[in-house]
Structures are given as structure tokens and as C-alpha cells.
N, C-alpha and C. Protein backbone atom coordinates (compact mmCIF):
# COMPACT_ATOMS: atom_id res chain seq x y z
N SER A 1 83.78 -37.40 70.31
CA SER A 1 84.56 -36.24 69.92
C SER A 1 83.69 -35.25 69.14
N ASP A 2 84.20 -34.02 69.00
CA ASP A 2 83.46 -33.01 68.23
C ASP A 2 83.26 -33.47 66.79
N TYR A 3 84.27 -34.11 66.23
CA TYR A 3 84.18 -34.60 64.86
C TYR A 3 83.01 -35.58 64.70
N ASP A 4 82.87 -36.48 65.63
CA ASP A 4 81.79 -37.47 65.56
C ASP A 4 80.42 -36.81 65.68
N VAL A 5 80.34 -35.80 66.54
CA VAL A 5 79.08 -35.07 66.68
C VAL A 5 78.72 -34.37 65.38
N LEU A 6 79.69 -33.66 64.79
CA LEU A 6 79.44 -32.96 63.53
C LEU A 6 79.11 -33.94 62.41
N LYS A 7 79.82 -35.04 62.36
CA LYS A 7 79.57 -36.04 61.32
C LYS A 7 78.17 -36.61 61.43
N SER A 8 77.68 -36.76 62.65
CA SER A 8 76.33 -37.31 62.85
C SER A 8 75.25 -36.38 62.32
N ARG A 9 75.59 -35.09 62.11
CA ARG A 9 74.62 -34.11 61.61
C ARG A 9 74.68 -33.94 60.11
N MET A 10 75.56 -34.68 59.44
CA MET A 10 75.61 -34.62 57.98
C MET A 10 74.34 -35.24 57.42
N LEU A 11 73.80 -34.63 56.36
CA LEU A 11 72.55 -35.13 55.79
C LEU A 11 72.66 -36.58 55.35
N SER A 12 73.81 -36.96 54.82
CA SER A 12 73.97 -38.35 54.38
C SER A 12 73.85 -39.31 55.57
N GLU A 13 74.36 -38.91 56.73
CA GLU A 13 74.25 -39.75 57.94
C GLU A 13 72.82 -39.77 58.45
N ILE A 14 72.17 -38.61 58.44
CA ILE A 14 70.79 -38.53 58.91
C ILE A 14 69.89 -39.39 58.03
N LYS A 15 70.09 -39.31 56.71
CA LYS A 15 69.27 -40.10 55.80
C LYS A 15 69.46 -41.59 56.04
N TRP A 16 70.68 -41.99 56.36
CA TRP A 16 70.98 -43.40 56.59
C TRP A 16 70.28 -43.92 57.85
N HIS A 17 70.22 -43.07 58.89
CA HIS A 17 69.66 -43.51 60.17
C HIS A 17 68.17 -43.23 60.32
N SER A 18 67.67 -42.16 59.67
CA SER A 18 66.25 -41.82 59.84
C SER A 18 65.75 -41.06 58.62
N VAL A 19 65.02 -41.77 57.76
CA VAL A 19 64.46 -41.13 56.57
C VAL A 19 63.47 -40.05 56.97
N GLU A 20 62.71 -40.30 58.03
CA GLU A 20 61.72 -39.33 58.49
C GLU A 20 62.39 -38.02 58.91
N GLU A 21 63.46 -38.11 59.67
CA GLU A 21 64.19 -36.91 60.08
C GLU A 21 64.80 -36.21 58.87
N PHE A 22 65.31 -37.00 57.94
CA PHE A 22 65.90 -36.44 56.72
C PHE A 22 64.87 -35.64 55.93
N GLU A 23 63.64 -36.15 55.84
CA GLU A 23 62.58 -35.45 55.10
C GLU A 23 62.29 -34.09 55.71
N GLY A 24 62.55 -33.94 57.01
CA GLY A 24 62.32 -32.66 57.66
C GLY A 24 63.23 -31.55 57.16
N PHE A 25 64.31 -31.93 56.49
CA PHE A 25 65.25 -30.95 55.94
C PHE A 25 64.91 -30.57 54.49
N LYS A 26 63.85 -31.15 53.95
CA LYS A 26 63.54 -30.99 52.53
C LYS A 26 63.43 -29.52 52.11
N ASP A 27 62.75 -28.71 52.90
CA ASP A 27 62.54 -27.31 52.53
C ASP A 27 63.29 -26.34 53.44
N THR A 28 64.31 -26.83 54.10
CA THR A 28 65.11 -25.98 54.98
C THR A 28 65.95 -25.00 54.15
N SER A 29 66.03 -23.77 54.62
CA SER A 29 66.84 -22.77 53.92
C SER A 29 68.31 -23.17 53.96
N ILE A 30 69.02 -22.83 52.89
CA ILE A 30 70.43 -23.17 52.77
C ILE A 30 71.23 -21.87 52.74
N VAL A 31 72.22 -21.77 53.62
CA VAL A 31 73.05 -20.57 53.70
C VAL A 31 74.41 -20.87 53.07
N VAL A 32 74.82 -20.03 52.12
CA VAL A 32 76.09 -20.22 51.42
C VAL A 32 76.89 -18.91 51.49
N THR A 33 78.15 -18.98 51.09
CA THR A 33 79.01 -17.80 51.16
C THR A 33 79.16 -17.09 49.82
N LYS A 34 78.77 -17.75 48.73
CA LYS A 34 78.97 -17.18 47.39
C LYS A 34 77.64 -17.12 46.63
N LYS A 35 77.47 -16.05 45.87
CA LYS A 35 76.23 -15.88 45.11
C LYS A 35 76.06 -16.94 44.03
N PHE A 36 77.16 -17.37 43.39
CA PHE A 36 77.00 -18.36 42.34
C PHE A 36 76.51 -19.69 42.91
N LEU A 37 76.87 -20.00 44.16
CA LEU A 37 76.34 -21.20 44.81
C LEU A 37 74.86 -21.03 45.11
N ARG A 38 74.50 -19.86 45.64
CA ARG A 38 73.10 -19.57 45.92
C ARG A 38 72.25 -19.73 44.67
N ASP A 39 72.71 -19.15 43.56
CA ASP A 39 71.93 -19.18 42.33
C ASP A 39 71.81 -20.60 41.77
N ALA A 40 72.89 -21.38 41.86
CA ALA A 40 72.85 -22.76 41.36
C ALA A 40 71.90 -23.61 42.19
N ILE A 41 71.93 -23.44 43.51
CA ILE A 41 71.02 -24.19 44.38
C ILE A 41 69.58 -23.78 44.11
N ASN A 42 69.34 -22.48 44.01
CA ASN A 42 67.98 -22.00 43.76
C ASN A 42 67.43 -22.51 42.43
N GLU A 43 68.28 -22.54 41.40
CA GLU A 43 67.80 -23.06 40.11
C GLU A 43 67.48 -24.55 40.21
N SER A 44 68.34 -25.30 40.87
CA SER A 44 68.10 -26.73 41.04
C SER A 44 66.82 -26.99 41.83
N LYS A 45 66.63 -26.23 42.91
CA LYS A 45 65.42 -26.39 43.72
C LYS A 45 64.18 -25.97 42.95
N ALA A 46 64.30 -24.93 42.12
CA ALA A 46 63.16 -24.49 41.31
C ALA A 46 62.77 -25.57 40.30
N ARG A 47 63.76 -26.20 39.69
CA ARG A 47 63.47 -27.30 38.75
C ARG A 47 62.77 -28.45 39.47
N SER A 48 63.26 -28.80 40.65
CA SER A 48 62.64 -29.88 41.41
C SER A 48 61.22 -29.51 41.84
N PHE A 49 61.04 -28.25 42.25
CA PHE A 49 59.72 -27.78 42.67
C PHE A 49 58.74 -27.84 41.51
N ALA A 50 59.18 -27.40 40.33
CA ALA A 50 58.31 -27.45 39.15
C ALA A 50 57.91 -28.90 38.85
N HIS A 51 58.86 -29.81 38.91
CA HIS A 51 58.58 -31.22 38.66
C HIS A 51 57.61 -31.78 39.69
N ASP A 52 57.88 -31.51 40.98
CA ASP A 52 57.06 -32.06 42.06
C ASP A 52 55.64 -31.52 42.05
N THR A 53 55.45 -30.29 41.57
CA THR A 53 54.12 -29.67 41.54
C THR A 53 53.48 -29.74 40.16
N GLU A 54 54.12 -30.50 39.26
CA GLU A 54 53.60 -30.72 37.90
C GLU A 54 53.37 -29.40 37.16
N GLN A 55 54.37 -28.51 37.27
CA GLN A 55 54.36 -27.26 36.53
C GLN A 55 55.57 -27.23 35.60
N HIS A 56 55.52 -26.33 34.63
CA HIS A 56 56.66 -26.15 33.74
C HIS A 56 57.72 -25.30 34.43
N PHE A 57 58.97 -25.66 34.24
CA PHE A 57 60.07 -24.81 34.72
C PHE A 57 60.23 -23.66 33.74
N GLU A 58 60.09 -22.44 34.22
CA GLU A 58 60.19 -21.27 33.36
C GLU A 58 61.19 -20.27 33.93
N VAL A 59 61.89 -19.59 33.03
CA VAL A 59 62.74 -18.47 33.44
C VAL A 59 62.24 -17.21 32.76
N TYR A 60 62.42 -16.09 33.43
CA TYR A 60 61.97 -14.79 32.93
C TYR A 60 63.20 -13.92 32.75
N ARG A 61 63.37 -13.45 31.53
CA ARG A 61 64.62 -12.78 31.15
C ARG A 61 64.53 -11.27 31.30
N THR A 62 65.70 -10.66 31.28
CA THR A 62 65.79 -9.22 31.45
C THR A 62 65.79 -8.50 30.11
N CYS A 63 65.46 -7.23 30.17
CA CYS A 63 65.67 -6.32 29.04
C CYS A 63 66.88 -5.47 29.42
N ASP A 64 67.95 -5.59 28.65
CA ASP A 64 69.17 -4.84 28.94
C ASP A 64 69.40 -3.77 27.88
N PHE A 65 70.00 -2.66 28.31
CA PHE A 65 70.23 -1.53 27.41
C PHE A 65 71.64 -0.99 27.59
N ILE A 66 72.21 -0.51 26.48
CA ILE A 66 73.48 0.22 26.50
C ILE A 66 73.22 1.58 25.89
N ALA A 67 73.48 2.63 26.67
CA ALA A 67 73.23 4.01 26.21
C ALA A 67 71.81 4.17 25.69
N GLY A 68 70.85 3.55 26.38
CA GLY A 68 69.45 3.69 26.02
C GLY A 68 69.00 2.83 24.86
N LYS A 69 69.89 2.03 24.29
CA LYS A 69 69.54 1.20 23.13
C LYS A 69 69.48 -0.26 23.52
N LYS A 70 68.48 -0.96 22.97
CA LYS A 70 68.37 -2.40 23.24
C LYS A 70 69.53 -3.13 22.59
N LEU A 71 69.91 -4.24 23.18
CA LEU A 71 71.02 -5.03 22.67
C LEU A 71 70.57 -5.93 21.52
N THR A 72 71.54 -6.39 20.73
CA THR A 72 71.23 -7.42 19.75
C THR A 72 70.95 -8.71 20.51
N LEU A 73 70.28 -9.65 19.87
CA LEU A 73 69.95 -10.90 20.54
C LEU A 73 71.20 -11.64 20.98
N GLN A 74 72.26 -11.59 20.16
CA GLN A 74 73.51 -12.26 20.52
C GLN A 74 74.12 -11.63 21.77
N GLN A 75 74.15 -10.28 21.82
CA GLN A 75 74.66 -9.59 23.00
C GLN A 75 73.81 -9.92 24.23
N GLN A 76 72.50 -9.90 24.01
CA GLN A 76 71.59 -10.14 25.13
C GLN A 76 71.75 -11.55 25.70
N LYS A 77 71.91 -12.53 24.82
CA LYS A 77 72.09 -13.91 25.29
C LYS A 77 73.35 -14.04 26.14
N HIS A 78 74.39 -13.30 25.78
CA HIS A 78 75.63 -13.33 26.56
C HIS A 78 75.41 -12.73 27.95
N LEU A 79 74.71 -11.60 28.00
CA LEU A 79 74.48 -10.93 29.28
C LEU A 79 73.52 -11.71 30.17
N TRP A 80 72.58 -12.43 29.57
CA TRP A 80 71.66 -13.24 30.38
C TRP A 80 72.40 -14.26 31.23
N LYS A 81 73.56 -14.71 30.76
CA LYS A 81 74.31 -15.76 31.45
C LYS A 81 75.29 -15.22 32.49
N MET A 82 75.40 -13.90 32.61
CA MET A 82 76.33 -13.33 33.60
C MET A 82 75.91 -13.69 35.01
N GLN A 83 76.88 -13.99 35.85
CA GLN A 83 76.60 -14.32 37.24
C GLN A 83 76.08 -13.10 37.99
N SER A 84 75.19 -13.34 38.93
CA SER A 84 74.59 -12.23 39.68
C SER A 84 75.61 -11.49 40.53
N THR A 85 76.77 -12.09 40.75
CA THR A 85 77.85 -11.41 41.46
C THR A 85 78.21 -10.10 40.75
N TYR A 86 78.09 -10.10 39.42
CA TYR A 86 78.49 -8.94 38.62
C TYR A 86 77.31 -8.07 38.20
N THR A 87 76.08 -8.51 38.48
CA THR A 87 74.90 -7.78 38.01
C THR A 87 74.06 -7.23 39.16
N ASN A 88 74.65 -7.11 40.33
CA ASN A 88 73.93 -6.59 41.50
C ASN A 88 72.66 -7.38 41.81
N ASP A 89 72.77 -8.70 41.70
CA ASP A 89 71.69 -9.64 42.04
C ASP A 89 70.53 -9.65 41.04
N ALA A 90 70.62 -8.90 39.95
CA ALA A 90 69.56 -8.94 38.94
C ALA A 90 69.87 -10.07 37.96
N LEU A 91 69.25 -11.23 38.19
CA LEU A 91 69.51 -12.38 37.33
C LEU A 91 69.02 -12.14 35.91
N GLY A 92 69.84 -12.50 34.94
CA GLY A 92 69.43 -12.39 33.54
C GLY A 92 68.32 -13.36 33.21
N GLU A 93 68.33 -14.51 33.88
CA GLU A 93 67.29 -15.53 33.71
C GLU A 93 66.80 -15.92 35.10
N LEU A 94 65.63 -15.42 35.46
CA LEU A 94 65.08 -15.59 36.80
C LEU A 94 64.06 -16.72 36.80
N PRO A 95 64.36 -17.85 37.49
CA PRO A 95 63.39 -18.95 37.54
C PRO A 95 62.27 -18.63 38.53
N LEU A 96 61.04 -18.70 38.05
CA LEU A 96 59.88 -18.42 38.89
C LEU A 96 58.78 -19.44 38.61
N ILE A 97 58.32 -20.11 39.66
CA ILE A 97 57.23 -21.07 39.55
C ILE A 97 56.24 -20.75 40.66
N PRO A 98 54.96 -20.53 40.32
CA PRO A 98 53.97 -20.21 41.35
C PRO A 98 53.97 -21.23 42.48
N GLY A 99 53.92 -20.72 43.71
CA GLY A 99 53.94 -21.57 44.89
C GLY A 99 55.30 -21.69 45.54
N MET A 100 56.35 -21.28 44.83
CA MET A 100 57.70 -21.41 45.37
C MET A 100 58.01 -20.29 46.35
N PRO A 101 58.98 -20.50 47.26
CA PRO A 101 59.40 -19.40 48.14
C PRO A 101 60.15 -18.34 47.34
N ALA A 102 59.99 -17.10 47.75
CA ALA A 102 60.64 -15.99 47.04
C ALA A 102 61.18 -15.00 48.07
N MET A 103 62.24 -14.29 47.68
CA MET A 103 62.82 -13.27 48.54
C MET A 103 62.89 -11.95 47.79
N ILE A 104 62.38 -10.90 48.42
CA ILE A 104 62.41 -9.56 47.84
C ILE A 104 63.80 -8.98 48.03
N MET A 105 64.37 -8.44 46.94
CA MET A 105 65.75 -7.94 47.00
C MET A 105 65.83 -6.44 47.20
N GLU A 106 64.85 -5.70 46.76
CA GLU A 106 64.87 -4.25 46.90
C GLU A 106 63.52 -3.80 47.40
N ASN A 107 63.49 -2.67 48.05
CA ASN A 107 62.24 -2.15 48.60
C ASN A 107 61.86 -0.87 47.86
N GLU A 108 61.62 -1.00 46.55
CA GLU A 108 61.29 0.18 45.76
C GLU A 108 59.81 0.24 45.41
N ASN A 109 59.07 -0.83 45.72
CA ASN A 109 57.66 -0.87 45.35
C ASN A 109 56.74 -0.54 46.52
N ALA A 110 57.27 -0.46 47.71
CA ALA A 110 56.43 -0.19 48.87
C ALA A 110 57.27 0.42 49.98
N ALA A 111 56.61 1.08 50.90
CA ALA A 111 57.32 1.73 52.00
C ALA A 111 57.70 0.73 53.08
N MET A 112 58.78 1.04 53.80
CA MET A 112 59.20 0.17 54.89
C MET A 112 58.14 0.09 55.96
N SER A 113 57.30 1.11 56.05
CA SER A 113 56.23 1.10 57.05
C SER A 113 55.25 -0.04 56.80
N SER A 114 55.25 -0.58 55.58
CA SER A 114 54.38 -1.72 55.25
C SER A 114 55.07 -3.04 55.53
N LYS A 115 56.26 -2.99 56.14
CA LYS A 115 57.02 -4.18 56.53
C LYS A 115 57.47 -5.00 55.33
N ILE A 116 57.77 -4.32 54.23
CA ILE A 116 58.37 -4.97 53.07
C ILE A 116 59.78 -4.41 52.95
N VAL A 117 60.75 -5.21 53.32
CA VAL A 117 62.12 -4.74 53.33
C VAL A 117 63.01 -5.67 52.52
N ASN A 118 64.19 -5.20 52.23
CA ASN A 118 65.18 -6.00 51.52
C ASN A 118 65.41 -7.30 52.31
N GLY A 119 65.17 -8.43 51.66
CA GLY A 119 65.31 -9.72 52.32
C GLY A 119 64.00 -10.32 52.81
N SER A 120 62.87 -9.61 52.62
CA SER A 120 61.58 -10.17 53.01
C SER A 120 61.32 -11.46 52.24
N ARG A 121 60.78 -12.46 52.95
CA ARG A 121 60.52 -13.76 52.33
C ARG A 121 59.03 -14.04 52.29
N GLY A 122 58.60 -14.61 51.17
CA GLY A 122 57.19 -14.94 51.01
C GLY A 122 57.02 -16.08 50.03
N THR A 123 55.80 -16.18 49.50
CA THR A 123 55.46 -17.23 48.54
C THR A 123 54.96 -16.60 47.25
N LEU A 124 55.54 -17.00 46.13
CA LEU A 124 55.11 -16.48 44.83
C LEU A 124 53.72 -17.01 44.51
N LYS A 125 52.78 -16.10 44.28
CA LYS A 125 51.40 -16.49 43.97
C LYS A 125 51.17 -16.63 42.48
N SER A 126 51.63 -15.64 41.71
CA SER A 126 51.41 -15.68 40.26
C SER A 126 52.37 -14.73 39.56
N VAL A 127 52.51 -14.93 38.25
CA VAL A 127 53.36 -14.06 37.43
C VAL A 127 52.58 -13.61 36.21
N THR A 128 52.85 -12.40 35.78
CA THR A 128 52.30 -11.87 34.53
C THR A 128 53.49 -11.46 33.67
N TYR A 129 53.47 -11.87 32.41
CA TYR A 129 54.65 -11.66 31.57
C TYR A 129 54.25 -11.38 30.12
N GLU A 130 55.23 -10.90 29.37
CA GLU A 130 55.10 -10.74 27.92
C GLU A 130 56.08 -11.69 27.26
N MET A 131 55.79 -12.09 26.03
CA MET A 131 56.66 -13.02 25.32
C MET A 131 57.02 -12.45 23.95
N ASP A 132 58.30 -12.56 23.58
CA ASP A 132 58.71 -12.06 22.26
C ASP A 132 58.60 -13.16 21.21
N SER A 133 58.98 -12.85 19.99
CA SER A 133 58.83 -13.79 18.88
C SER A 133 59.75 -15.00 19.02
N GLU A 134 60.79 -14.87 19.87
CA GLU A 134 61.72 -15.98 20.09
C GLU A 134 61.27 -16.90 21.23
N GLY A 135 60.16 -16.52 21.87
CA GLY A 135 59.67 -17.32 23.00
C GLY A 135 60.26 -16.93 24.34
N ASN A 136 61.01 -15.83 24.39
CA ASN A 136 61.58 -15.36 25.65
C ASN A 136 60.50 -14.65 26.47
N ARG A 137 60.46 -14.94 27.75
CA ARG A 137 59.47 -14.35 28.64
C ARG A 137 60.09 -13.19 29.43
N TYR A 138 59.33 -12.09 29.52
CA TYR A 138 59.78 -10.91 30.26
C TYR A 138 58.70 -10.55 31.28
N MET A 139 59.11 -10.36 32.52
CA MET A 139 58.15 -10.10 33.59
C MET A 139 57.47 -8.75 33.46
N ALA A 140 56.15 -8.76 33.69
CA ALA A 140 55.40 -7.52 33.82
C ALA A 140 55.18 -7.23 35.31
N CYS A 141 54.85 -8.28 36.07
CA CYS A 141 54.68 -8.14 37.51
C CYS A 141 54.55 -9.52 38.14
N ALA A 142 54.64 -9.55 39.45
CA ALA A 142 54.43 -10.79 40.20
C ALA A 142 53.64 -10.46 41.45
N LEU A 143 52.84 -11.42 41.90
CA LEU A 143 52.14 -11.30 43.16
C LEU A 143 52.81 -12.22 44.16
N VAL A 144 53.17 -11.66 45.31
CA VAL A 144 53.87 -12.43 46.35
C VAL A 144 53.13 -12.28 47.66
N ASP A 145 52.88 -13.41 48.32
CA ASP A 145 52.27 -13.41 49.64
C ASP A 145 53.37 -13.22 50.67
N LEU A 146 53.37 -12.07 51.33
CA LEU A 146 54.38 -11.74 52.34
C LEU A 146 53.73 -11.70 53.72
N PRO A 147 53.85 -12.77 54.50
CA PRO A 147 53.24 -12.77 55.84
C PRO A 147 53.75 -11.59 56.67
N GLY A 148 52.83 -10.92 57.32
CA GLY A 148 53.23 -9.79 58.16
C GLY A 148 53.20 -8.46 57.45
N SER A 149 53.06 -8.46 56.13
CA SER A 149 53.00 -7.19 55.40
C SER A 149 51.70 -6.48 55.72
N THR A 150 51.80 -5.18 55.94
CA THR A 150 50.60 -4.39 56.23
C THR A 150 50.14 -3.59 55.02
N LEU A 151 50.79 -3.82 53.88
CA LEU A 151 50.39 -3.11 52.66
C LEU A 151 49.05 -3.64 52.18
N TYR A 152 48.11 -2.74 51.94
CA TYR A 152 46.79 -3.14 51.45
C TYR A 152 46.65 -2.71 50.00
N VAL A 153 46.38 -3.67 49.14
CA VAL A 153 46.14 -3.40 47.73
C VAL A 153 44.73 -3.84 47.41
N PRO A 154 43.87 -2.91 46.97
CA PRO A 154 42.49 -3.29 46.63
C PRO A 154 42.46 -4.46 45.66
N SER A 155 41.52 -5.36 45.88
CA SER A 155 41.27 -6.56 45.07
C SER A 155 42.28 -7.68 45.32
N LEU A 156 43.27 -7.47 46.19
CA LEU A 156 44.22 -8.53 46.54
C LEU A 156 43.99 -8.98 47.97
N ASP A 157 44.28 -10.25 48.24
CA ASP A 157 44.15 -10.78 49.59
C ASP A 157 45.12 -10.06 50.53
N PRO A 158 44.78 -9.98 51.82
CA PRO A 158 45.70 -9.37 52.79
C PRO A 158 47.07 -10.05 52.76
N GLY A 159 48.11 -9.25 52.77
CA GLY A 159 49.47 -9.79 52.75
C GLY A 159 50.03 -10.04 51.37
N VAL A 160 49.19 -9.99 50.35
CA VAL A 160 49.66 -10.20 48.97
C VAL A 160 50.06 -8.85 48.39
N VAL A 161 51.28 -8.77 47.88
CA VAL A 161 51.78 -7.51 47.34
C VAL A 161 52.16 -7.66 45.87
N LEU A 162 52.08 -6.56 45.17
CA LEU A 162 52.43 -6.50 43.76
C LEU A 162 53.89 -6.09 43.64
N ILE A 163 54.69 -6.91 42.96
CA ILE A 163 56.10 -6.60 42.74
C ILE A 163 56.29 -6.26 41.27
N LEU A 164 56.84 -5.09 41.01
CA LEU A 164 57.05 -4.62 39.64
C LEU A 164 58.53 -4.64 39.29
N PRO A 165 58.86 -4.76 38.00
CA PRO A 165 60.27 -4.70 37.60
C PRO A 165 60.87 -3.34 37.94
N ILE A 166 62.16 -3.34 38.23
CA ILE A 166 62.88 -2.09 38.48
C ILE A 166 64.10 -2.04 37.56
N ASN A 167 64.64 -0.85 37.41
CA ASN A 167 65.86 -0.66 36.63
C ASN A 167 67.06 -0.67 37.56
N SER A 168 68.10 -1.35 37.14
CA SER A 168 69.35 -1.36 37.90
C SER A 168 70.50 -1.28 36.91
N GLY A 169 71.69 -1.10 37.41
CA GLY A 169 72.84 -0.96 36.51
C GLY A 169 74.03 -1.76 36.99
N PHE A 170 74.87 -2.13 36.04
CA PHE A 170 76.14 -2.78 36.36
C PHE A 170 77.11 -2.53 35.21
N LYS A 171 78.37 -2.80 35.45
CA LYS A 171 79.40 -2.57 34.44
C LYS A 171 79.82 -3.89 33.81
N PHE A 172 79.91 -3.88 32.47
CA PHE A 172 80.38 -5.06 31.73
C PHE A 172 81.81 -4.76 31.26
N PRO A 173 82.79 -5.50 31.79
CA PRO A 173 84.19 -5.20 31.43
C PRO A 173 84.56 -5.72 30.05
N THR A 174 85.28 -4.90 29.29
CA THR A 174 85.86 -5.33 28.01
C THR A 174 87.38 -5.14 28.12
N LYS A 175 88.11 -5.47 27.06
CA LYS A 175 89.57 -5.34 27.10
C LYS A 175 90.02 -3.90 27.27
N LYS A 176 89.24 -2.97 26.71
CA LYS A 176 89.65 -1.56 26.73
C LYS A 176 88.96 -0.73 27.81
N THR A 177 87.71 -1.06 28.10
CA THR A 177 86.95 -0.22 29.02
C THR A 177 85.82 -1.03 29.65
N SER A 178 85.00 -0.36 30.44
CA SER A 178 83.81 -0.99 31.01
C SER A 178 82.58 -0.31 30.43
N ILE A 179 81.60 -1.12 30.08
CA ILE A 179 80.37 -0.60 29.49
C ILE A 179 79.27 -0.62 30.54
N ASN A 180 78.56 0.49 30.66
CA ASN A 180 77.44 0.56 31.60
C ASN A 180 76.21 -0.11 31.00
N ILE A 181 75.66 -1.06 31.73
CA ILE A 181 74.47 -1.80 31.31
C ILE A 181 73.31 -1.40 32.21
N ARG A 182 72.17 -1.11 31.61
CA ARG A 182 70.94 -0.89 32.37
C ARG A 182 70.07 -2.12 32.20
N ARG A 183 69.58 -2.64 33.31
CA ARG A 183 68.82 -3.90 33.29
C ARG A 183 67.47 -3.70 33.96
N THR A 184 66.43 -4.29 33.36
CA THR A 184 65.09 -4.26 33.93
C THR A 184 64.70 -5.68 34.33
N GLN A 185 64.42 -5.87 35.63
CA GLN A 185 64.07 -7.19 36.14
C GLN A 185 63.33 -7.04 37.46
N LEU A 186 62.59 -8.08 37.84
CA LEU A 186 61.94 -8.07 39.14
C LEU A 186 62.98 -8.06 40.26
N PRO A 187 62.74 -7.30 41.32
CA PRO A 187 63.70 -7.27 42.43
C PRO A 187 63.46 -8.43 43.40
N MET A 188 63.61 -9.65 42.89
CA MET A 188 63.39 -10.81 43.74
C MET A 188 64.22 -11.99 43.26
N LEU A 189 64.36 -12.97 44.13
CA LEU A 189 65.10 -14.19 43.84
C LEU A 189 64.32 -15.38 44.40
N PRO A 190 64.57 -16.58 43.88
CA PRO A 190 64.02 -17.76 44.54
C PRO A 190 64.48 -17.79 45.99
N GLY A 191 63.64 -18.32 46.87
CA GLY A 191 63.91 -18.21 48.30
C GLY A 191 64.36 -19.46 49.02
N TRP A 192 65.09 -20.33 48.34
CA TRP A 192 65.59 -21.53 49.02
C TRP A 192 66.98 -21.32 49.63
N ALA A 193 67.84 -20.64 48.89
CA ALA A 193 69.22 -20.46 49.34
C ALA A 193 69.55 -18.97 49.45
N PHE A 194 70.38 -18.65 50.42
CA PHE A 194 70.75 -17.26 50.68
C PHE A 194 72.25 -17.17 50.94
N THR A 195 72.79 -15.99 50.71
CA THR A 195 74.18 -15.77 51.13
C THR A 195 74.18 -15.44 52.62
N ASP A 196 75.30 -15.67 53.26
CA ASP A 196 75.39 -15.38 54.69
C ASP A 196 75.19 -13.89 54.96
N PHE A 197 75.50 -13.04 53.97
CA PHE A 197 75.27 -11.61 54.13
C PHE A 197 73.79 -11.30 54.25
N LYS A 198 72.95 -11.95 53.40
CA LYS A 198 71.51 -11.71 53.43
C LYS A 198 70.88 -12.22 54.72
N VAL A 199 71.41 -13.32 55.25
CA VAL A 199 70.86 -13.87 56.48
C VAL A 199 70.97 -12.87 57.61
N GLN A 200 72.04 -12.08 57.62
CA GLN A 200 72.22 -11.07 58.66
C GLN A 200 71.14 -10.02 58.58
């Protein structure tokens, strides 16, 4: 029956019958319907990747502003935890570990003629960041290897592009009104899980 066929393709069934075949799914992309699922899977995979590659799991936080003014640390900590559903995909805490898959979310750093478009997938090569007195890390830039990219940057290997933070905005709802938040963050996400919209 169709049910039996579908059941045979469940990972738990595959693992039971063939560990070798199961291992083939280790780095397979995961398609989900909700951003909070995507973000949870990506964070879990980033933690596992950091452990497996003997690196530290690190997150890089945003600088948020209201009416051009920086937030208090308490306000900022609250906004860092907001789901990307409400922040236009700009994660308040972006997990990045060199060597992990990455997906470019916006095409503001290079022209489409260089084949860098929204949804481009590559491998994170390195990160450059600043750190505040509290130990919070803020991205300055990232280098991403994007196969097929025709962008040439002197002193970088072919296909490696420089990704810079961009400014974006979202509304934070309160009981009386909505507050406009300006956020500075890299236009990228971990590249293990995607929403079905991005896959299109």
C-alpha cells in the first residue's frame, strides 16, 4: 500500500534497516513550512557541526535601534530572542561556525550579474567580528564560498565573496502602538533547513 511505501522512507525505518543509507541523509537539506522550525533545526545542526568539527558554538548578535538610538541591554536582550518570522529573517542571534553551509538572504552586496541572488547557498569560510564588554559578538563581515559566483574580489579565492551587514526594519508591537526597530545583521542564515517558500 501507499502507507507502507511512505513508512519505509521514514528515517527511523531506514536507520533500522541500513545504517549506511541512513548516514547518506546526514547533511541533506530539510524543507519546513514555518520559520521557527527552520531556525530551531539550523541552530541544532550548527551546535552539532561545532561539536563534530571541534569548534566553539558561537552566535553573532544584532545592533538594534529605535529612532536612531541604541537600546538598553535589557531591551536588546528581549529583541535578540524575537522569532525571525517577525524580524524579516534578521536573526537577533545568528549561529555561525566556519565550514558550515550558509544561505544568502539578500542581494545588497553584489550585483545579480555575479550570480549572487537571494537564496544562494555556499560554505562559510570565516567571520570577522567585534566584541563588547559583555562578551557579545557583532559581525563585521563574513567570507562565503559561493560556487558559480562570478564576482571577483582581489586577494580572495575565486568564488569567495565578502558579505557585509545590512540594515533592515521591523515593527515591535506594544499594547498601545507598534515601534519601528532598525536592525543591523548579516543577510544570511545557516544553510541546513529552509522554508518551502525559499526552496521555490
